[in-house]
């Protein structure tokens, strides 16, 4: 409602990115649809279980990356 009725449309949305919110799947889709840049914060702090998982650590090592770097690359890829 707010977006549809605003005269000046937002260009950037900043939101905490964590599993409790489902990693903002719906919000990120809305942003993509409306040409709004989604910027996450607490990206590493709120998701350390994900990037410390043994499969992630192993894949990062194979790719010559840190687990954190691999997780950030993943986040960039999903938008």
C-alpha atoms as a PDB file:
ATOM      1  CA  UNK A   1       0.000   0.000   0.000  1.00  0.00           C
ATOM      2  CA  UNK A   2       2.671   2.504   1.001  1.00  0.00           C
ATOM      3  CA  UNK A   3       4.688   1.938  -2.183  1.00  0.00           C
ATOM      4  CA  UNK A   4       1.668   2.268  -4.452  1.00  0.00           C
ATOM      5  CA  UNK A   5       0.586   5.503  -2.800  1.00  0.00           C
ATOM      6  CA  UNK A   6       3.955   7.208  -2.420  1.00  0.00           C
ATOM      7  CA  UNK A   7       4.836  10.080  -4.704  1.00  0.00           C
ATOM      8  CA  UNK A   8       8.578   9.505  -4.380  1.00  0.00           C
ATOM      9  CA  UNK A   9       9.479   5.854  -4.800  1.00  0.00           C
ATOM     10  CA  UNK A  10      12.333   4.329  -2.787  1.00  0.00           C
ATOM     11  CA  UNK A  11      15.499   3.290  -4.603  1.00  0.00           C
ATOM     12  CA  UNK A  12      17.183   1.415  -1.726  1.00  0.00           C
ATOM     13  CA  UNK A  13      15.888  -0.819   1.051  1.00  0.00           C
ATOM     14  CA  UNK A  14      18.141  -1.872   3.930  1.00  0.00           C
ATOM     15  CA  UNK A  15      17.039  -4.795   6.053  1.00  0.00           C
ATOM     16  CA  UNK A  16      18.467  -7.352   8.449  1.00  0.00           C
ATOM     17  CA  UNK A  17      19.161 -10.572   6.537  1.00  0.00           C
ATOM     18  CA  UNK A  18      18.600 -13.712   8.582  1.00  0.00           C
ATOM     19  CA  UNK A  19      16.861 -17.077   8.605  1.00  0.00           C
ATOM     20  CA  UNK A  20      14.140 -15.928  11.020  1.00  0.00           C
ATOM     21  CA  UNK A  21      12.731 -13.702   8.269  1.00  0.00           C
ATOM     22  CA  UNK A  22      13.147 -16.362   5.606  1.00  0.00           C
ATOM     23  CA  UNK A  23      16.068 -14.346   4.233  1.00  0.00           C
ATOM     24  CA  UNK A  24      13.579 -11.763   2.929  1.00  0.00           C
ATOM     25  CA  UNK A  25      12.590 -13.792  -0.129  1.00  0.00           C
ATOM     26  CA  UNK A  26       9.368 -11.832  -0.671  1.00  0.00           C
ATOM     27  CA  UNK A  27      10.953  -8.459   0.098  1.00  0.00           C
ATOM     28  CA  UNK A  28      13.861  -9.129  -2.278  1.00  0.00           C
ATOM     29  CA  UNK A  29      11.415 -10.175  -5.020  1.00  0.00           C
ATOM     30  CA  UNK A  30       9.415  -6.950  -4.481  1.00  0.00           C
ATOM     31  CA  UNK A  31      12.609  -4.920  -4.668  1.00  0.00           C
ATOM     32  CA  UNK A  32      13.695  -6.627  -7.874  1.00  0.00           C
ATOM     33  CA  UNK A  33      10.261  -6.113  -9.446  1.00  0.00           C
ATOM     34  CA  UNK A  34      10.290  -2.396  -8.577  1.00  0.00           C
ATOM     35  CA  UNK A  35      13.953  -1.662  -9.335  1.00  0.00           C
ATOM     36  CA  UNK A  36      14.805  -1.104  -5.672  1.00  0.00           C
ATOM     37  CA  UNK A  37      18.282  -2.044  -4.464  1.00  0.00           C
ATOM     38  CA  UNK A  38      18.128  -4.456  -1.528  1.00  0.00           C
ATOM     39  CA  UNK A  39      20.986  -3.963   0.930  1.00  0.00           C
ATOM     40  CA  UNK A  40      21.347  -6.475   3.709  1.00  0.00           C
ATOM     41  CA  UNK A  41      22.926  -5.849   7.065  1.00  0.00           C
ATOM     42  CA  UNK A  42      23.948  -8.252   9.823  1.00  0.00           C
ATOM     43  CA  UNK A  43      24.593 -10.566   6.878  1.00  0.00           C
ATOM     44  CA  UNK A  44      27.422 -12.474   8.543  1.00  0.00           C
ATOM     45  CA  UNK A  45      26.441 -11.941  12.176  1.00  0.00           C
ATOM     46  CA  UNK A  46      22.963 -13.393  11.691  1.00  0.00           C
ATOM     47  CA  UNK A  47      24.004 -16.287   9.468  1.00  0.00           C
ATOM     48  CA  UNK A  48      27.147 -17.755  11.000  1.00  0.00           C
ATOM     49  CA  UNK A  49      25.569 -21.215  11.196  1.00  0.00           C
ATOM     50  CA  UNK A  50      25.176 -21.173   7.409  1.00  0.00           C
ATOM     51  CA  UNK A  51      28.710 -20.186   6.448  1.00  0.00           C
ATOM     52  CA  UNK A  52      30.313 -22.282   9.188  1.00  0.00           C
ATOM     53  CA  UNK A  53      28.577 -25.434   7.973  1.00  0.00           C
ATOM     54  CA  UNK A  54      31.137 -28.079   7.025  1.00  0.00           C
ATOM     55  CA  UNK A  55      29.877 -28.292   3.424  1.00  0.00           C
ATOM     56  CA  UNK A  56      30.288 -24.534   2.998  1.00  0.00           C
ATOM     57  CA  UNK A  57      33.743 -24.577   4.572  1.00  0.00           C
ATOM     58  CA  UNK A  58      34.769 -27.420   2.251  1.00  0.00           C
ATOM     59  CA  UNK A  59      33.401 -25.717  -0.879  1.00  0.00           C
ATOM     60  CA  UNK A  60      35.059 -22.437   0.077  1.00  0.00           C
ATOM     61  CA  UNK A  61      38.378 -24.228   0.476  1.00  0.00           C
ATOM     62  CA  UNK A  62      37.957 -25.874  -2.958  1.00  0.00           C
ATOM     63  CA  UNK A  63      37.280 -22.459  -4.520  1.00  0.00           C
ATOM     64  CA  UNK A  64      40.121 -20.719  -2.698  1.00  0.00           C
ATOM     65  CA  UNK A  65      37.722 -18.537  -0.737  1.00  0.00           C
ATOM     66  CA  UNK A  66      36.941 -17.931   2.890  1.00  0.00           C
ATOM     67  CA  UNK A  67      33.563 -19.269   4.033  1.00  0.00           C
ATOM     68  CA  UNK A  68      32.489 -15.670   4.612  1.00  0.00           C
ATOM     69  CA  UNK A  69      33.517 -14.691   1.084  1.00  0.00           C
ATOM     70  CA  UNK A  70      31.617 -17.626  -0.373  1.00  0.00           C
ATOM     71  CA  UNK A  71      28.522 -16.682   1.630  1.00  0.00           C
ATOM     72  CA  UNK A  72      28.716 -13.057   0.426  1.00  0.00           C
ATOM     73  CA  UNK A  73      29.094 -14.278  -3.164  1.00  0.00           C
ATOM     74  CA  UNK A  74      26.017 -16.438  -2.694  1.00  0.00           C
ATOM     75  CA  UNK A  75      24.069 -13.482  -1.294  1.00  0.00           C
ATOM     76  CA  UNK A  76      25.075 -11.336  -4.255  1.00  0.00           C
ATOM     77  CA  UNK A  77      23.999 -14.084  -6.662  1.00  0.00           C
ATOM     78  CA  UNK A  78      20.524 -14.436  -5.155  1.00  0.00           C
ATOM     79  CA  UNK A  79      19.984 -10.686  -5.170  1.00  0.00           C
END
